[in-house]
Amino acid sequence: MIFNHLSPSEYHIKIRAKVHLDNLQEKELEFYIKITHPFTQSTTFYVFISLIVIEIIYLRYAILQ
């Protein structure tokens, strides 16, 4: 199964299957999934990019001096 474009949230998924050869035995699988925001939308990402930009500006300034 593929779930594209799920919003960040917690999901509860149940899957049921019937086996016709085994007296119509029904089985169920249940699990939880937590979808988080992409890393590129996190505070850590913005801090990391900001530090890289500051370092580039500093190195460029240091080289020109």
Protein backbone atom coordinates (compact mmCIF):
# COMPACT_ATOMS: atom_id res chain seq x y z
CA MET A 1 0.00 0.00 0.00
CA ILE A 2 1.13 3.50 -0.76
CA PHE A 3 -0.32 6.56 0.91
CA ASN A 4 0.78 9.72 -0.88
CA HIS A 5 0.24 13.25 0.36
CA LEU A 6 -0.83 12.44 3.92
CA SER A 7 -1.03 15.45 6.19
CA PRO A 8 1.14 15.36 9.32
CA SER A 9 -0.97 13.65 11.97
CA GLU A 10 -1.51 10.34 13.75
CA TYR A 11 -3.36 7.63 11.88
CA HIS A 12 -5.02 4.42 13.05
CA ILE A 13 -5.21 1.80 10.30
CA LYS A 14 -7.17 -1.46 10.35
CA ILE A 15 -6.88 -4.09 7.62
CA ARG A 16 -9.25 -7.05 7.47
CA ALA A 17 -8.89 -10.20 5.42
CA LYS A 18 -11.16 -13.20 4.96
CA VAL A 19 -9.81 -16.60 4.07
CA HIS A 20 -12.49 -18.47 2.09
CA LEU A 21 -10.65 -21.80 2.20
CA ASP A 22 -10.53 -21.85 6.01
CA ASN A 23 -14.23 -21.65 6.98
CA LEU A 24 -14.44 -17.92 6.29
CA GLN A 25 -11.93 -17.12 8.99
CA GLU A 26 -11.49 -13.36 9.36
CA LYS A 27 -8.20 -11.82 10.43
CA GLU A 28 -7.52 -8.21 11.31
CA LEU A 29 -4.27 -6.25 11.41
CA GLU A 30 -4.23 -2.97 13.29
CA PHE A 31 -1.44 -0.42 13.65
CA TYR A 32 -0.75 3.26 14.25
CA ILE A 33 1.31 5.60 12.09
CA LYS A 34 2.56 9.05 12.99
CA ILE A 35 3.37 11.31 10.03
CA THR A 36 5.58 14.30 10.87
CA HIS A 37 6.40 17.43 8.89
CA PRO A 38 9.16 17.09 6.29
CA PHE A 39 12.65 17.91 7.57
CA THR A 40 12.79 20.92 5.23
CA GLN A 41 9.92 22.49 7.21
CA SER A 42 11.55 22.01 10.62
CA THR A 43 13.24 24.57 12.84
CA THR A 44 16.42 22.48 12.79
CA PHE A 45 16.61 22.78 9.01
CA TYR A 46 16.22 26.58 9.09
CA VAL A 47 18.88 26.92 11.79
CA PHE A 48 21.25 24.69 9.81
CA ILE A 49 20.72 26.67 6.58
CA SER A 50 21.14 29.96 8.44
CA LEU A 51 24.46 28.80 9.88
CA ILE A 52 25.66 27.77 6.43
CA VAL A 53 24.71 31.15 4.96
CA ILE A 54 26.44 32.99 7.82
CA GLU A 55 29.56 30.85 7.34
CA ILE A 56 29.62 31.56 3.58
CA ILE A 57 29.28 35.31 4.19
CA TYR A 58 32.01 35.21 6.85
CA LEU A 59 34.41 33.21 4.65
CA ARG A 60 33.79 35.48 1.69
CA TYR A 61 34.47 38.53 3.84
CA ALA A 62 37.60 36.94 5.35
CA ILE A 63 38.99 36.05 1.91
CA LEU A 64 38.46 39.56 0.56
CA GLN A 65 40.37 41.16 3.45
